[in-house]
Amino acid sequence: MRCVIARFPFDLTKHGVLDAMKGVKPEPVTGDSVIIGRRHYPIKQVGAVITRQDRRDFSAGEVTRAMTLLGFTCRTPSEAPAPRALTPLETASTLLGTPVRG
């Protein structure tokens, strides 16, 4: 698929993105993210890897649009899954200040 990121045309494929991100450790997600395989990557990190451009050269929206068109799931911070509820044992343990070991 041909897309324009930071005024430069790129021919991206889903397989090409998967290959480019193989072996890349995800940075902590603080904003928009994309799920590639089983990992959540910051959208700017993915854009930098696939375009080989500085992160300041493109917007998160450009990369999000391209990743969505390729079939990847993109999330904004408001769409992040809610943390799971603590069990009664974990709640009691937290209140007592002792960690629960599984």
N, C-alpha and C. Protein backbone atom coordinates (compact mmCIF):
# COMPACT_ATOMS: atom_id res chain seq x y z
N MET A 1 0.84 -1.16 0.00
CA MET A 1 0.00 0.00 0.00
C MET A 1 0.89 1.24 0.00
N ARG A 2 0.56 2.16 -0.83
CA ARG A 2 1.33 3.41 -0.90
C ARG A 2 0.71 4.43 0.04
N CYS A 3 1.53 5.02 0.89
CA CYS A 3 1.05 6.06 1.80
C CYS A 3 2.12 7.14 1.92
N VAL A 4 1.68 8.31 2.33
CA VAL A 4 2.59 9.45 2.48
C VAL A 4 2.74 9.75 3.96
N ILE A 5 3.98 9.74 4.42
CA ILE A 5 4.30 10.08 5.80
C ILE A 5 5.40 11.13 5.74
N ALA A 6 5.14 12.26 6.36
CA ALA A 6 6.08 13.39 6.37
C ALA A 6 6.46 13.81 4.95
N ARG A 7 5.46 13.87 4.07
CA ARG A 7 5.61 14.31 2.69
C ARG A 7 6.45 13.36 1.83
N PHE A 8 6.76 12.16 2.32
CA PHE A 8 7.50 11.18 1.53
C PHE A 8 6.63 9.97 1.28
N PRO A 9 6.60 9.46 0.05
CA PRO A 9 5.78 8.27 -0.23
C PRO A 9 6.49 7.00 0.22
N PHE A 10 5.72 6.08 0.79
CA PHE A 10 6.24 4.78 1.23
C PHE A 10 5.32 3.69 0.71
N ASP A 11 5.90 2.60 0.26
CA ASP A 11 5.14 1.41 -0.11
C ASP A 11 5.23 0.44 1.05
N LEU A 12 4.19 0.39 1.86
CA LEU A 12 4.18 -0.44 3.05
C LEU A 12 3.27 -1.65 2.87
N THR A 13 3.70 -2.76 3.45
CA THR A 13 2.87 -3.96 3.50
C THR A 13 2.82 -4.43 4.95
N LYS A 14 1.79 -5.17 5.27
CA LYS A 14 1.68 -5.69 6.64
C LYS A 14 2.88 -6.59 6.96
N HIS A 15 3.24 -7.44 6.01
CA HIS A 15 4.38 -8.33 6.22
C HIS A 15 5.68 -7.54 6.38
N GLY A 16 5.84 -6.47 5.62
CA GLY A 16 7.03 -5.63 5.73
C GLY A 16 7.14 -4.96 7.09
N VAL A 17 6.01 -4.50 7.62
CA VAL A 17 6.01 -3.88 8.95
C VAL A 17 6.34 -4.93 10.01
N LEU A 18 5.76 -6.12 9.89
CA LEU A 18 6.06 -7.19 10.85
C LEU A 18 7.55 -7.53 10.84
N ASP A 19 8.14 -7.61 9.64
CA ASP A 19 9.58 -7.90 9.53
C ASP A 19 10.43 -6.78 10.12
N ALA A 20 10.03 -5.52 9.87
CA ALA A 20 10.80 -4.38 10.37
C ALA A 20 10.77 -4.32 11.89
N MET A 21 9.64 -4.71 12.49
CA MET A 21 9.50 -4.61 13.95
C MET A 21 9.97 -5.86 14.67
N LYS A 22 10.34 -6.89 13.93
CA LYS A 22 10.83 -8.13 14.54
C LYS A 22 12.12 -7.84 15.30
N GLY A 23 12.16 -8.18 16.55
CA GLY A 23 13.35 -7.98 17.36
C GLY A 23 13.47 -6.59 17.97
N VAL A 24 12.51 -5.72 17.72
CA VAL A 24 12.53 -4.37 18.28
C VAL A 24 11.79 -4.39 19.61
N LYS A 25 12.47 -3.99 20.67
CA LYS A 25 11.85 -3.98 21.99
C LYS A 25 10.94 -2.77 22.12
N PRO A 26 9.68 -2.97 22.54
CA PRO A 26 8.77 -1.83 22.67
C PRO A 26 9.18 -0.89 23.79
N GLU A 27 9.07 0.39 23.52
CA GLU A 27 9.30 1.40 24.55
C GLU A 27 8.02 1.52 25.39
N PRO A 28 8.09 2.13 26.56
CA PRO A 28 6.86 2.32 27.35
C PRO A 28 5.85 3.17 26.57
N VAL A 29 4.60 2.74 26.58
CA VAL A 29 3.55 3.43 25.84
C VAL A 29 2.97 4.53 26.73
N THR A 30 3.03 5.77 26.24
CA THR A 30 2.47 6.90 26.98
C THR A 30 1.38 7.61 26.19
N GLY A 31 1.28 7.35 24.92
CA GLY A 31 0.28 8.00 24.07
C GLY A 31 -0.35 6.99 23.15
N ASP A 32 -0.49 7.35 21.88
CA ASP A 32 -1.06 6.45 20.89
C ASP A 32 -0.17 5.23 20.73
N SER A 33 -0.80 4.08 20.49
CA SER A 33 -0.03 2.85 20.33
C SER A 33 -0.63 1.99 19.23
N VAL A 34 0.15 1.02 18.78
CA VAL A 34 -0.27 0.07 17.76
C VAL A 34 0.11 -1.32 18.25
N ILE A 35 -0.75 -2.28 18.00
CA ILE A 35 -0.48 -3.66 18.39
C ILE A 35 0.09 -4.37 17.18
N ILE A 36 1.32 -4.84 17.32
CA ILE A 36 1.99 -5.60 16.27
C ILE A 36 2.38 -6.93 16.87
N GLY A 37 1.80 -7.99 16.36
CA GLY A 37 1.97 -9.30 16.98
C GLY A 37 1.24 -9.29 18.31
N ARG A 38 1.95 -9.56 19.38
CA ARG A 38 1.35 -9.50 20.71
C ARG A 38 1.86 -8.30 21.51
N ARG A 39 2.61 -7.45 20.88
CA ARG A 39 3.22 -6.33 21.60
C ARG A 39 2.55 -5.00 21.27
N HIS A 40 2.54 -4.11 22.25
CA HIS A 40 2.02 -2.75 22.08
C HIS A 40 3.23 -1.83 21.91
N TYR A 41 3.30 -1.15 20.78
CA TYR A 41 4.39 -0.23 20.49
C TYR A 41 3.85 1.20 20.45
N PRO A 42 4.62 2.18 20.93
CA PRO A 42 4.23 3.57 20.71
C PRO A 42 4.21 3.85 19.21
N ILE A 43 3.23 4.58 18.76
CA ILE A 43 3.05 4.81 17.33
C ILE A 43 4.25 5.54 16.72
N LYS A 44 4.86 6.44 17.48
CA LYS A 44 6.02 7.17 16.97
C LYS A 44 7.24 6.25 16.82
N GLN A 45 7.38 5.26 17.71
CA GLN A 45 8.48 4.31 17.59
C GLN A 45 8.33 3.50 16.30
N VAL A 46 7.13 3.04 16.02
CA VAL A 46 6.88 2.28 14.80
C VAL A 46 7.15 3.14 13.57
N GLY A 47 6.69 4.38 13.60
CA GLY A 47 6.93 5.29 12.48
C GLY A 47 8.41 5.51 12.23
N ALA A 48 9.18 5.66 13.30
CA ALA A 48 10.62 5.87 13.15
C ALA A 48 11.30 4.64 12.57
N VAL A 49 10.86 3.45 12.96
CA VAL A 49 11.49 2.23 12.47
C VAL A 49 11.15 2.00 10.99
N ILE A 50 9.88 2.15 10.63
CA ILE A 50 9.49 1.81 9.26
C ILE A 50 9.88 2.88 8.25
N THR A 51 9.99 4.15 8.68
CA THR A 51 10.36 5.21 7.73
C THR A 51 11.83 5.60 7.82
N ARG A 52 12.49 5.23 8.90
CA ARG A 52 13.88 5.61 9.16
C ARG A 52 14.03 7.13 9.22
N GLN A 53 12.98 7.80 9.71
CA GLN A 53 13.01 9.25 9.86
C GLN A 53 12.99 9.60 11.34
N ASP A 54 13.37 10.82 11.63
CA ASP A 54 13.30 11.32 12.99
C ASP A 54 11.83 11.45 13.39
N ARG A 55 11.52 11.17 14.64
CA ARG A 55 10.14 11.20 15.12
C ARG A 55 9.50 12.57 15.03
N ARG A 56 10.32 13.60 14.98
CA ARG A 56 9.78 14.97 14.89
C ARG A 56 9.31 15.30 13.47
N ASP A 57 9.68 14.46 12.49
CA ASP A 57 9.36 14.74 11.10
C ASP A 57 7.95 14.33 10.69
N PHE A 58 7.27 13.51 11.48
CA PHE A 58 5.94 13.04 11.12
C PHE A 58 5.03 13.10 12.34
N SER A 59 3.73 13.07 12.06
CA SER A 59 2.76 13.10 13.17
C SER A 59 2.30 11.68 13.48
N ALA A 60 1.78 11.51 14.68
CA ALA A 60 1.24 10.21 15.08
C ALA A 60 0.04 9.86 14.21
N GLY A 61 -0.71 10.87 13.80
CA GLY A 61 -1.88 10.63 12.96
C GLY A 61 -1.54 10.02 11.62
N GLU A 62 -0.44 10.45 11.03
CA GLU A 62 -0.02 9.89 9.74
C GLU A 62 0.29 8.40 9.86
N VAL A 63 1.01 8.04 10.90
CA VAL A 63 1.39 6.64 11.09
C VAL A 63 0.17 5.82 11.51
N THR A 64 -0.69 6.38 12.36
CA THR A 64 -1.89 5.68 12.79
C THR A 64 -2.77 5.36 11.59
N ARG A 65 -2.94 6.31 10.70
CA ARG A 65 -3.75 6.11 9.50
C ARG A 65 -3.17 4.98 8.65
N ALA A 66 -1.85 4.99 8.46
CA ALA A 66 -1.21 3.95 7.65
C ALA A 66 -1.33 2.58 8.30
N MET A 67 -1.10 2.50 9.60
CA MET A 67 -1.17 1.22 10.30
C MET A 67 -2.60 0.66 10.30
N THR A 68 -3.59 1.54 10.44
CA THR A 68 -4.99 1.11 10.41
C THR A 68 -5.35 0.57 9.03
N LEU A 69 -4.90 1.25 7.98
CA LEU A 69 -5.17 0.78 6.62
C LEU A 69 -4.50 -0.56 6.33
N LEU A 70 -3.39 -0.83 6.98
CA LEU A 70 -2.69 -2.11 6.80
C LEU A 70 -3.33 -3.23 7.63
N GLY A 71 -4.25 -2.87 8.52
CA GLY A 71 -4.95 -3.89 9.30
C GLY A 71 -4.47 -4.06 10.72
N PHE A 72 -3.61 -3.17 11.20
CA PHE A 72 -3.16 -3.24 12.58
C PHE A 72 -4.15 -2.53 13.49
N THR A 73 -4.20 -2.94 14.75
CA THR A 73 -5.08 -2.29 15.73
C THR A 73 -4.32 -1.16 16.39
N CYS A 74 -4.88 0.04 16.30
CA CYS A 74 -4.27 1.22 16.91
C CYS A 74 -5.15 1.68 18.06
N ARG A 75 -4.53 2.17 19.12
CA ARG A 75 -5.26 2.64 20.29
C ARG A 75 -4.78 4.02 20.70
N THR A 76 -5.73 4.79 21.23
CA THR A 76 -5.40 6.06 21.86
C THR A 76 -5.39 5.83 23.36
N PRO A 77 -4.82 6.73 24.14
CA PRO A 77 -4.76 6.51 25.59
C PRO A 77 -6.14 6.30 26.22
N SER A 78 -7.19 6.91 25.70
CA SER A 78 -8.52 6.73 26.28
C SER A 78 -9.10 5.35 25.99
N GLU A 79 -8.57 4.65 24.98
CA GLU A 79 -9.05 3.32 24.63
C GLU A 79 -8.27 2.22 25.32
N ALA A 80 -7.32 2.57 26.15
CA ALA A 80 -6.50 1.56 26.82
C ALA A 80 -7.37 0.72 27.74
N PRO A 81 -7.08 -0.57 27.83
CA PRO A 81 -7.90 -1.43 28.69
C PRO A 81 -7.79 -1.02 30.15
N ALA A 82 -8.89 -1.09 30.86
CA ALA A 82 -8.90 -0.73 32.28
C ALA A 82 -8.12 -1.78 33.08
N PRO A 83 -7.45 -1.35 34.14
CA PRO A 83 -6.74 -2.34 34.95
C PRO A 83 -7.73 -3.29 35.59
N ARG A 84 -7.30 -4.53 35.76
CA ARG A 84 -8.20 -5.52 36.34
C ARG A 84 -8.42 -5.24 37.82
N ALA A 85 -9.55 -5.66 38.31
CA ALA A 85 -9.88 -5.45 39.73
C ALA A 85 -9.06 -6.39 40.59
N LEU A 86 -8.68 -5.93 41.75
CA LEU A 86 -7.94 -6.76 42.69
C LEU A 86 -8.87 -7.78 43.33
N THR A 87 -8.32 -8.96 43.59
CA THR A 87 -9.08 -9.96 44.33
C THR A 87 -9.12 -9.54 45.79
N PRO A 88 -10.04 -10.11 46.59
CA PRO A 88 -10.08 -9.77 48.02
C PRO A 88 -8.74 -10.02 48.72
N LEU A 89 -8.05 -11.09 48.34
CA LEU A 89 -6.75 -11.39 48.95
C LEU A 89 -5.73 -10.32 48.60
N GLU A 90 -5.71 -9.88 47.33
CA GLU A 90 -4.77 -8.84 46.91
C GLU A 90 -5.09 -7.50 47.57
N THR A 91 -6.38 -7.21 47.73
CA THR A 91 -6.78 -5.97 48.40
C THR A 91 -6.30 -5.96 49.85
N ALA A 92 -6.55 -7.07 50.56
CA ALA A 92 -6.11 -7.17 51.95
C ALA A 92 -4.60 -7.08 52.06
N SER A 93 -3.92 -7.76 51.14
CA SER A 93 -2.46 -7.74 51.14
C SER A 93 -1.93 -6.34 50.91
N THR A 94 -2.56 -5.60 50.01
CA THR A 94 -2.13 -4.23 49.72
C THR A 94 -2.35 -3.35 50.93
N LEU A 95 -3.48 -3.51 51.60
CA LEU A 95 -3.77 -2.71 52.79
C LEU A 95 -2.79 -3.00 53.91
N LEU A 96 -2.33 -4.24 54.01
CA LEU A 96 -1.37 -4.61 55.06
C LEU A 96 0.06 -4.28 54.66
N GLY A 97 0.26 -4.01 53.36
CA GLY A 97 1.60 -3.64 52.91
C GLY A 97 2.49 -4.83 52.62
N THR A 98 1.92 -5.99 52.46
CA THR A 98 2.71 -7.17 52.13
C THR A 98 2.31 -7.68 50.76
N PRO A 99 3.29 -7.99 49.91
CA PRO A 99 2.96 -8.45 48.57
C PRO A 99 2.44 -9.89 48.58
N VAL A 100 1.55 -10.19 47.65
CA VAL A 100 1.05 -11.54 47.48
C VAL A 100 1.94 -12.25 46.49
N ARG A 101 2.39 -13.41 46.83
CA ARG A 101 3.24 -14.20 45.92
C ARG A 101 2.43 -15.37 45.41
N GLY A 102 2.41 -15.51 44.07
CA GLY A 102 1.59 -16.56 43.44
C GLY A 102 2.25 -17.82 43.30
